[in-house]
Amino acid sequence: MASEPKASPASDRVPRNRDKLHSSVASAFEAKILSGGLSIGERLPSEGDIARDFGVSTRSVREAMQILETKGLIRRRHGERSTVIRGDVSEFLGMLATTVKQLFSAEPDYLMQLMDVRRMIETEVIGLLVTQAEPVSAEVDAALELMRLARDSGNFTGFTAADAEFHLALVRSAGNEILSVFYDNLYGLVIEVIKVTSRVPSKSLKAAYLEHAEICDAIRLRNQQQAKKLMATHIDNSAEYLRLAIENLNRKDHGND
């Protein structure tokens, strides 16, 4: 008795109901895009290649591509293969953060622009926090406690890490998901700022802890104006340390020319 021909992996994935073939193709590519199997900017195979791989008609492929385009996952242009664009916020902002990091490596002065962005976000977040039942979240308190412990032990590295966690926790606790996603991607850049500013002699850990504790107390008391003023002053001070650090870096680079 002759053995049945072995089905290809592609045909295994495609249901035999011809009316659902385009949906199956669309679902397969959607899963790959959302899982990261296909990266933003990557071109899909040609419609002919996709049709052969899935054992469907090119008409079914075009219908599948239309579904993906409607969902904002690909861009189609006449005469070109479809390109992955993935329209969700977190992926877009992740790409933005990578681009900004590349700019920082080429031109450290871009770090100063990050401080402007931080000031805008973190002062406005306070307006959201003071309206909540619990203005200061447990995560913020936990980061502040880690700062206190690092201060008492003279652990500068631990203090700067807790410092960054404090600001991240403040933004996350505001309850705005888009803002949280945006700041999550900035977080890596904030760490870069801390690394740069650590090269400049600055205030003691005791004074730095006090700045954060005062911000926290003002938010807890729902004193929005005072909390915003303290936050803006804190970030302005950090920006000044950053400016000095960048000047030192540039001076060192020019000295090596």
C-alpha atoms as a PDB file:
ATOM      1  CA  MET A   1       0.000   0.000   0.000  1.00  0.00           C
ATOM      2  CA  ALA A   2       1.513   3.241  -1.114  1.00  0.00           C
ATOM      3  CA  SER A   3       2.259   5.732   1.621  1.00  0.00           C
ATOM      4  CA  GLU A   4       0.473   9.059   1.552  1.00  0.00           C
ATOM      5  CA  PRO A   5       2.566  12.064   0.475  1.00  0.00           C
ATOM      6  CA  LYS A   6       4.028  13.940   3.444  1.00  0.00           C
ATOM      7  CA  ALA A   7       2.418  17.318   4.011  1.00  0.00           C
ATOM      8  CA  SER A   8       4.716  20.312   4.115  1.00  0.00           C
ATOM      9  CA  PRO A   9       4.897  22.433   7.288  1.00  0.00           C
ATOM     10  CA  ALA A  10       3.172  25.225   5.414  1.00  0.00           C
ATOM     11  CA  SER A  11       0.246  23.100   4.340  1.00  0.00           C
ATOM     12  CA  ASP A  12      -0.052  21.816   7.903  1.00  0.00           C
ATOM     13  CA  ARG A  13      -0.705  25.371   9.026  1.00  0.00           C
ATOM     14  CA  VAL A  14      -3.347  26.127   6.400  1.00  0.00           C
ATOM     15  CA  PRO A  15      -6.909  24.862   6.901  1.00  0.00           C
ATOM     16  CA  ARG A  16      -8.587  23.212   3.967  1.00  0.00           C
ATOM     17  CA  ASN A  17     -11.563  25.571   4.040  1.00  0.00           C
ATOM     18  CA  ARG A  18     -10.664  27.861   1.144  1.00  0.00           C
ATOM     19  CA  ASP A  19     -12.761  30.719   2.540  1.00  0.00           C
ATOM     20  CA  LYS A  20     -10.448  30.909   5.578  1.00  0.00           C
ATOM     21  CA  LEU A  21      -7.107  30.671   3.810  1.00  0.00           C
ATOM     22  CA  HIS A  22      -6.410  34.407   3.784  1.00  0.00           C
ATOM     23  CA  SER A  23      -7.238  34.634   7.516  1.00  0.00           C
ATOM     24  CA  SER A  24      -4.794  31.834   8.255  1.00  0.00           C
ATOM     25  CA  VAL A  25      -2.007  33.588   6.356  1.00  0.00           C
ATOM     26  CA  ALA A  26      -2.766  36.893   8.071  1.00  0.00           C
ATOM     27  CA  SER A  27      -2.781  35.250  11.516  1.00  0.00           C
ATOM     28  CA  ALA A  28       0.553  33.532  10.882  1.00  0.00           C
ATOM     29  CA  PHE A  29       2.275  36.792   9.900  1.00  0.00           C
ATOM     30  CA  GLU A  30       0.583  38.742  12.687  1.00  0.00           C
ATOM     31  CA  ALA A  31       1.952  36.277  15.238  1.00  0.00           C
ATOM     32  CA  LYS A  32       5.456  36.603  13.806  1.00  0.00           C
ATOM     33  CA  ILE A  33       5.319  40.399  13.832  1.00  0.00           C
ATOM     34  CA  LEU A  34       3.961  40.725  17.372  1.00  0.00           C
ATOM     35  CA  SER A  35       6.432  38.165  18.747  1.00  0.00           C
ATOM     36  CA  GLY A  36       9.376  39.977  17.174  1.00  0.00           C
ATOM     37  CA  GLY A  37      10.025  37.209  14.660  1.00  0.00           C
ATOM     38  CA  LEU A  38       9.696  39.865  11.984  1.00  0.00           C
ATOM     39  CA  SER A  39      11.324  43.180  12.842  1.00  0.00           C
ATOM     40  CA  ILE A  40      10.142  46.683  12.043  1.00  0.00           C
ATOM     41  CA  GLY A  41      11.476  47.689   8.649  1.00  0.00           C
ATOM     42  CA  GLU A  42      11.837  44.093   7.495  1.00  0.00           C
ATOM     43  CA  ARG A  43      10.287  43.246   4.129  1.00  0.00           C
ATOM     44  CA  LEU A  44       7.953  40.297   3.785  1.00  0.00           C
ATOM     45  CA  PRO A  45       8.517  37.700   1.046  1.00  0.00           C
ATOM     46  CA  SER A  46       6.881  38.381  -2.298  1.00  0.00           C
ATOM     47  CA  GLU A  47       3.220  37.510  -2.689  1.00  0.00           C
ATOM     48  CA  GLY A  48       4.204  34.668  -4.987  1.00  0.00           C
ATOM     49  CA  ASP A  49       6.623  33.208  -2.434  1.00  0.00           C
ATOM     50  CA  ILE A  50       4.039  33.479   0.355  1.00  0.00           C
ATOM     51  CA  ALA A  51       1.439  31.805  -1.844  1.00  0.00           C
ATOM     52  CA  ARG A  52       3.791  28.891  -2.518  1.00  0.00           C
ATOM     53  CA  ASP A  53       4.822  28.551   1.133  1.00  0.00           C
ATOM     54  CA  PHE A  54       1.225  28.420   2.349  1.00  0.00           C
ATOM     55  CA  GLY A  55      -0.230  26.562  -0.616  1.00  0.00           C
ATOM     56  CA  VAL A  56      -2.765  29.299  -1.364  1.00  0.00           C
ATOM     57  CA  SER A  57      -3.553  31.628  -4.232  1.00  0.00           C
ATOM     58  CA  THR A  58      -1.991  35.052  -4.609  1.00  0.00           C
ATOM     59  CA  ARG A  59      -5.499  36.453  -4.199  1.00  0.00           C
ATOM     60  CA  SER A  60      -5.632  34.972  -0.691  1.00  0.00           C
ATOM     61  CA  VAL A  61      -2.221  36.491   0.036  1.00  0.00           C
ATOM     62  CA  ARG A  62      -3.371  39.949  -1.086  1.00  0.00           C
ATOM     63  CA  GLU A  63      -6.429  39.645   1.159  1.00  0.00           C
ATOM     64  CA  ALA A  64      -4.183  38.643   4.056  1.00  0.00           C
ATOM     65  CA  MET A  65      -1.898  41.620   3.441  1.00  0.00           C
ATOM     66  CA  GLN A  66      -4.905  43.922   3.421  1.00  0.00           C
ATOM     67  CA  ILE A  67      -5.884  42.628   6.886  1.00  0.00           C
ATOM     68  CA  LEU A  68      -2.362  43.239   8.215  1.00  0.00           C
ATOM     69  CA  GLU A  69      -2.274  46.721   6.730  1.00  0.00           C
ATOM     70  CA  THR A  70      -5.633  47.600   8.287  1.00  0.00           C
ATOM     71  CA  LYS A  71      -4.259  46.537  11.686  1.00  0.00           C
ATOM     72  CA  GLY A  72      -1.271  48.827  11.210  1.00  0.00           C
ATOM     73  CA  LEU A  73       1.239  45.978  11.106  1.00  0.00           C
ATOM     74  CA  ILE A  74       2.572  46.408   7.565  1.00  0.00           C
ATOM     75  CA  ARG A  75       2.806  49.048   4.840  1.00  0.00           C
ATOM     76  CA  ARG A  76       2.103  48.159   1.232  1.00  0.00           C
ATOM     77  CA  ARG A  77       3.346  50.080  -1.813  1.00  0.00           C
ATOM     78  CA  HIS A  78       2.671  49.273  -5.426  1.00  0.00           C
ATOM     79  CA  GLY A  79       5.474  47.284  -6.992  1.00  0.00           C
ATOM     80  CA  GLU A  80       7.244  46.677  -3.668  1.00  0.00           C
ATOM     81  CA  ARG A  81       7.164  43.963  -1.062  1.00  0.00           C
ATOM     82  CA  SER A  82       5.200  44.761   2.096  1.00  0.00           C
ATOM     83  CA  THR A  83       7.191  46.250   4.991  1.00  0.00           C
ATOM     84  CA  VAL A  84       6.652  45.602   8.697  1.00  0.00           C
ATOM     85  CA  ILE A  85       5.782  48.795  10.579  1.00  0.00           C
ATOM     86  CA  ARG A  86       3.932  47.552  13.688  1.00  0.00           C
ATOM     87  CA  GLY A  87       1.956  50.500  14.983  1.00  0.00           C
ATOM     88  CA  ASP A  88       1.899  49.790  18.737  1.00  0.00           C
ATOM     89  CA  VAL A  89       3.230  52.484  21.059  1.00  0.00           C
ATOM     90  CA  SER A  90       5.793  50.485  23.038  1.00  0.00           C
ATOM     91  CA  GLU A  91       7.611  49.193  19.950  1.00  0.00           C
ATOM     92  CA  PHE A  92       7.724  52.631  18.376  1.00  0.00           C
ATOM     93  CA  LEU A  93       9.099  54.230  21.515  1.00  0.00           C
ATOM     94  CA  GLY A  94      11.648  51.467  21.877  1.00  0.00           C
ATOM     95  CA  MET A  95      12.953  52.331  18.435  1.00  0.00           C
ATOM     96  CA  LEU A  96      12.959  56.007  19.385  1.00  0.00           C
ATOM     97  CA  ALA A  97      15.015  55.310  22.501  1.00  0.00           C
ATOM     98  CA  THR A  98      17.541  53.304  20.465  1.00  0.00           C
ATOM     99  CA  THR A  99      17.840  56.161  17.985  1.00  0.00           C
ATOM    100  CA  VAL A 100      18.404  58.691  20.764  1.00  0.00           C
ATOM    101  CA  LYS A 101      21.060  56.454  22.356  1.00  0.00           C
ATOM    102  CA  GLN A 102      22.882  56.406  19.032  1.00  0.00           C
ATOM    103  CA  LEU A 103      22.733  60.202  18.940  1.00  0.00           C
ATOM    104  CA  PHE A 104      24.126  60.348  22.477  1.00  0.00           C
ATOM    105  CA  SER A 105      27.089  58.176  21.550  1.00  0.00           C
ATOM    106  CA  ALA A 106      27.886  60.490  18.643  1.00  0.00           C
ATOM    107  CA  GLU A 107      27.034  63.778  20.362  1.00  0.00           C
ATOM    108  CA  PRO A 108      26.845  63.861  24.205  1.00  0.00           C
ATOM    109  CA  ASP A 109      25.157  67.281  24.149  1.00  0.00           C
ATOM    110  CA  TYR A 110      21.911  65.505  23.282  1.00  0.00           C
ATOM    111  CA  LEU A 111      21.818  64.431  26.925  1.00  0.00           C
ATOM    112  CA  MET A 112      20.914  67.998  27.822  1.00  0.00           C
ATOM    113  CA  GLN A 113      17.797  67.698  25.687  1.00  0.00           C
ATOM    114  CA  LEU A 114      16.849  64.593  27.660  1.00  0.00           C
ATOM    115  CA  MET A 115      16.864  66.689  30.823  1.00  0.00           C
ATOM    116  CA  ASP A 116      14.324  69.058  29.235  1.00  0.00           C
ATOM    117  CA  VAL A 117      12.095  66.081  28.431  1.00  0.00           C
ATOM    118  CA  ARG A 118      12.452  64.745  31.976  1.00  0.00           C
ATOM    119  CA  ARG A 119      11.499  68.101  33.453  1.00  0.00           C
ATOM    120  CA  MET A 120       8.353  68.281  31.323  1.00  0.00           C
ATOM    121  CA  ILE A 121       7.246  64.748  32.154  1.00  0.00           C
ATOM    122  CA  GLU A 122       8.134  64.540  35.832  1.00  0.00           C
ATOM    123  CA  THR A 123       6.697  67.884  36.855  1.00  0.00           C
ATOM    124  CA  GLU A 124       3.425  67.233  35.029  1.00  0.00           C
ATOM    125  CA  VAL A 125       3.154  63.736  36.536  1.00  0.00           C
ATOM    126  CA  ILE A 126       2.870  65.386  39.947  1.00  0.00           C
ATOM    127  CA  GLY A 127      -0.434  66.924  38.874  1.00  0.00           C
ATOM    128  CA  LEU A 128      -1.787  63.397  38.309  1.00  0.00           C
ATOM    129  CA  LEU A 129      -0.376  61.988  41.528  1.00  0.00           C
ATOM    130  CA  VAL A 130      -1.946  64.532  43.875  1.00  0.00           C
ATOM    131  CA  THR A 131      -5.437  63.600  42.648  1.00  0.00           C
ATOM    132  CA  GLN A 132      -5.058  59.938  43.634  1.00  0.00           C
ATOM    133  CA  ALA A 133      -6.271  58.317  46.848  1.00  0.00           C
ATOM    134  CA  GLU A 134      -2.654  57.364  47.591  1.00  0.00           C
ATOM    135  CA  PRO A 135      -0.446  60.059  46.032  1.00  0.00           C
ATOM    136  CA  VAL A 136       2.769  58.203  46.901  1.00  0.00           C
ATOM    137  CA  SER A 137       2.818  54.539  45.895  1.00  0.00           C
ATOM    138  CA  ALA A 138       4.527  51.704  47.763  1.00  0.00           C
ATOM    139  CA  GLU A 139       7.042  51.469  44.910  1.00  0.00           C
ATOM    140  CA  VAL A 140       8.059  55.095  45.382  1.00  0.00           C
ATOM    141  CA  ASP A 141       8.444  54.598  49.131  1.00  0.00           C
ATOM    142  CA  ALA A 142      10.496  51.457  48.528  1.00  0.00           C
ATOM    143  CA  ALA A 143      12.880  53.290  46.173  1.00  0.00           C
ATOM    144  CA  LEU A 144      13.247  56.121  48.696  1.00  0.00           C
ATOM    145  CA  GLU A 145      14.070  53.593  51.420  1.00  0.00           C
ATOM    146  CA  LEU A 146      16.753  52.041  49.219  1.00  0.00           C
ATOM    147  CA  MET A 147      18.211  55.508  48.751  1.00  0.00           C
ATOM    148  CA  ARG A 148      18.269  56.009  52.521  1.00  0.00           C
ATOM    149  CA  LEU A 149      20.070  52.706  53.084  1.00  0.00           C
ATOM    150  CA  ALA A 150      22.586  53.508  50.345  1.00  0.00           C
ATOM    151  CA  ARG A 151      23.122  56.953  51.849  1.00  0.00           C
ATOM    152  CA  ASP A 152      23.802  55.502  55.291  1.00  0.00           C
ATOM    153  CA  SER A 153      26.281  52.961  53.930  1.00  0.00           C
ATOM    154  CA  GLY A 154      27.957  55.373  51.519  1.00  0.00           C
ATOM    155  CA  ASN A 155      27.016  53.171  48.569  1.00  0.00           C
ATOM    156  CA  PHE A 156      27.101  55.635  45.674  1.00  0.00           C
ATOM    157  CA  THR A 157      26.338  53.038  42.988  1.00  0.00           C
ATOM    158  CA  GLY A 158      23.377  51.720  44.929  1.00  0.00           C
ATOM    159  CA  PHE A 159      22.153  55.246  45.569  1.00  0.00           C
ATOM    160  CA  THR A 160      22.153  56.231  41.899  1.00  0.00           C
ATOM    161  CA  ALA A 161      20.304  53.039  40.956  1.00  0.00           C
ATOM    162  CA  ALA A 162      17.649  53.714  43.619  1.00  0.00           C
ATOM    163  CA  ASP A 163      17.504  57.347  42.455  1.00  0.00           C
ATOM    164  CA  ALA A 164      16.535  56.228  38.952  1.00  0.00           C
ATOM    165  CA  GLU A 165      14.013  53.738  40.372  1.00  0.00           C
ATOM    166  CA  PHE A 166      12.426  56.534  42.403  1.00  0.00           C
ATOM    167  CA  HIS A 167      11.720  58.646  39.327  1.00  0.00           C
ATOM    168  CA  LEU A 168      10.524  55.645  37.319  1.00  0.00           C
ATOM    169  CA  ALA A 169       8.145  54.621  40.124  1.00  0.00           C
ATOM    170  CA  LEU A 170       6.705  58.140  40.315  1.00  0.00           C
ATOM    171  CA  VAL A 171       5.832  58.137  36.626  1.00  0.00           C
ATOM    172  CA  ARG A 172       4.440  54.612  36.658  1.00  0.00           C
ATOM    173  CA  SER A 173       2.245  55.291  39.682  1.00  0.00           C
ATOM    174  CA  ALA A 174       0.521  58.169  37.846  1.00  0.00           C
ATOM    175  CA  GLY A 175      -1.649  55.577  36.113  1.00  0.00           C
ATOM    176  CA  ASN A 176      -1.169  56.842  32.550  1.00  0.00           C
ATOM    177  CA  GLU A 177      -0.175  53.802  30.490  1.00  0.00           C
ATOM    178  CA  ILE A 178       1.123  55.691  27.462  1.00  0.00           C
ATOM    179  CA  LEU A 179       3.217  57.973  29.645  1.00  0.00           C
ATOM    180  CA  SER A 180       4.577  54.936  31.511  1.00  0.00           C
ATOM    181  CA  VAL A 181       5.583  53.234  28.258  1.00  0.00           C
ATOM    182  CA  PHE A 182       7.286  56.418  27.105  1.00  0.00           C
ATOM    183  CA  TYR A 183       9.222  56.842  30.335  1.00  0.00           C
ATOM    184  CA  ASP A 184      10.105  53.147  30.522  1.00  0.00           C
ATOM    185  CA  ASN A 185      11.986  53.628  27.272  1.00  0.00           C
ATOM    186  CA  LEU A 186      13.603  56.812  28.536  1.00  0.00           C
ATOM    187  CA  TYR A 187      14.694  54.975  31.679  1.00  0.00           C
ATOM    188  CA  GLY A 188      17.791  53.541  30.034  1.00  0.00           C
ATOM    189  CA  LEU A 189      18.738  57.052  28.949  1.00  0.00           C
ATOM    190  CA  VAL A 190      18.218  58.382  32.483  1.00  0.00           C
ATOM    191  CA  ILE A 191      20.707  55.762  33.682  1.00  0.00           C
ATOM    192  CA  GLU A 192      23.174  57.096  31.101  1.00  0.00           C
ATOM    193  CA  VAL A 193      22.705  60.593  32.538  1.00  0.00           C
ATOM    194  CA  ILE A 194      23.433  59.306  36.043  1.00  0.00           C
ATOM    195  CA  LYS A 195      26.621  57.636  34.799  1.00  0.00           C
ATOM    196  CA  VAL A 196      27.794  60.863  33.192  1.00  0.00           C
ATOM    197  CA  THR A 197      26.911  63.088  36.143  1.00  0.00           C
ATOM    198  CA  SER A 198      28.663  60.711  38.549  1.00  0.00           C
ATOM    199  CA  ARG A 199      31.942  61.947  37.058  1.00  0.00           C
ATOM    200  CA  VAL A 200      31.357  65.402  38.475  1.00  0.00           C
ATOM    201  CA  PRO A 201      31.917  66.188  42.182  1.00  0.00           C
ATOM    202  CA  SER A 202      28.461  67.034  43.452  1.00  0.00           C
ATOM    203  CA  LYS A 203      26.427  67.298  46.609  1.00  0.00           C
ATOM    204  CA  SER A 204      26.609  64.639  49.303  1.00  0.00           C
ATOM    205  CA  LEU A 205      24.349  61.609  49.337  1.00  0.00           C
ATOM    206  CA  LYS A 206      22.713  63.112  52.406  1.00  0.00           C
ATOM    207  CA  ALA A 207      21.708  66.254  50.502  1.00  0.00           C
ATOM    208  CA  ALA A 208      20.620  64.226  47.475  1.00  0.00           C
ATOM    209  CA  TYR A 209      18.416  62.002  49.624  1.00  0.00           C
ATOM    210  CA  LEU A 210      16.858  65.047  51.272  1.00  0.00           C
ATOM    211  CA  GLU A 211      15.864  66.483  47.874  1.00  0.00           C
ATOM    212  CA  HIS A 212      13.944  63.315  47.017  1.00  0.00           C
ATOM    213  CA  ALA A 213      12.377  63.029  50.462  1.00  0.00           C
ATOM    214  CA  GLU A 214      11.105  66.617  50.250  1.00  0.00           C
ATOM    215  CA  ILE A 215       9.558  65.958  46.840  1.00  0.00           C
ATOM    216  CA  CYS A 216       7.871  62.870  48.236  1.00  0.00           C
ATOM    217  CA  ASP A 217       6.529  64.741  51.291  1.00  0.00           C
ATOM    218  CA  ALA A 218       5.090  67.567  49.159  1.00  0.00           C
ATOM    219  CA  ILE A 219       3.289  65.060  46.920  1.00  0.00           C
ATOM    220  CA  ARG A 220       1.936  63.203  49.947  1.00  0.00           C
ATOM    221  CA  LEU A 221       0.595  66.492  51.322  1.00  0.00           C
ATOM    222  CA  ARG A 222      -0.939  67.214  47.882  1.00  0.00           C
ATOM    223  CA  ASN A 223       1.011  70.453  47.700  1.00  0.00           C
ATOM    224  CA  GLN A 224       1.182  70.406  43.915  1.00  0.00           C
ATOM    225  CA  GLN A 225       2.866  73.781  43.445  1.00  0.00           C
ATOM    226  CA  GLN A 226       5.621  73.038  45.962  1.00  0.00           C
ATOM    227  CA  ALA A 227       6.183  69.503  44.668  1.00  0.00           C
ATOM    228  CA  LYS A 228       6.513  70.734  41.079  1.00  0.00           C
ATOM    229  CA  LYS A 229       8.912  73.471  42.161  1.00  0.00           C
ATOM    230  CA  LEU A 230      11.077  70.992  44.065  1.00  0.00           C
ATOM    231  CA  MET A 231      11.092  68.536  41.154  1.00  0.00           C
ATOM    232  CA  ALA A 232      12.006  71.236  38.624  1.00  0.00           C
ATOM    233  CA  THR A 233      14.832  72.479  40.863  1.00  0.00           C
ATOM    234  CA  HIS A 234      16.090  68.926  41.351  1.00  0.00           C
ATOM    235  CA  ILE A 235      16.211  68.242  37.608  1.00  0.00           C
ATOM    236  CA  ASP A 236      17.747  71.662  36.900  1.00  0.00           C
ATOM    237  CA  ASN A 237      20.530  70.857  39.383  1.00  0.00           C
ATOM    238  CA  SER A 238      21.088  67.513  37.683  1.00  0.00           C
ATOM    239  CA  ALA A 239      21.201  69.269  34.311  1.00  0.00           C
ATOM    240  CA  GLU A 240      23.922  71.584  35.609  1.00  0.00           C
ATOM    241  CA  TYR A 241      26.004  68.625  36.801  1.00  0.00           C
ATOM    242  CA  LEU A 242      25.436  67.053  33.408  1.00  0.00           C
ATOM    243  CA  ARG A 243      26.589  70.199  31.612  1.00  0.00           C
ATOM    244  CA  LEU A 244      29.796  70.226  33.620  1.00  0.00           C
ATOM    245  CA  ALA A 245      30.353  66.533  32.930  1.00  0.00           C
ATOM    246  CA  ILE A 246      29.895  67.039  29.188  1.00  0.00           C
ATOM    247  CA  GLU A 247      32.324  69.961  29.237  1.00  0.00           C
ATOM    248  CA  ASN A 248      34.873  67.743  30.977  1.00  0.00           C
ATOM    249  CA  LEU A 249      34.328  64.989  28.414  1.00  0.00           C
ATOM    250  CA  ASN A 250      34.689  67.407  25.498  1.00  0.00           C
ATOM    251  CA  ARG A 251      37.789  68.959  27.053  1.00  0.00           C
ATOM    252  CA  LYS A 252      39.301  65.503  27.463  1.00  0.00           C
ATOM    253  CA  ASP A 253      38.461  64.524  23.881  1.00  0.00           C
ATOM    254  CA  HIS A 254      40.017  67.723  22.520  1.00  0.00           C
ATOM    255  CA  GLY A 255      43.096  67.103  24.636  1.00  0.00           C
ATOM    256  CA  ASN A 256      43.534  63.727  22.945  1.00  0.00           C
ATOM    257  CA  ASP A 257      43.372  65.222  19.432  1.00  0.00           C
END
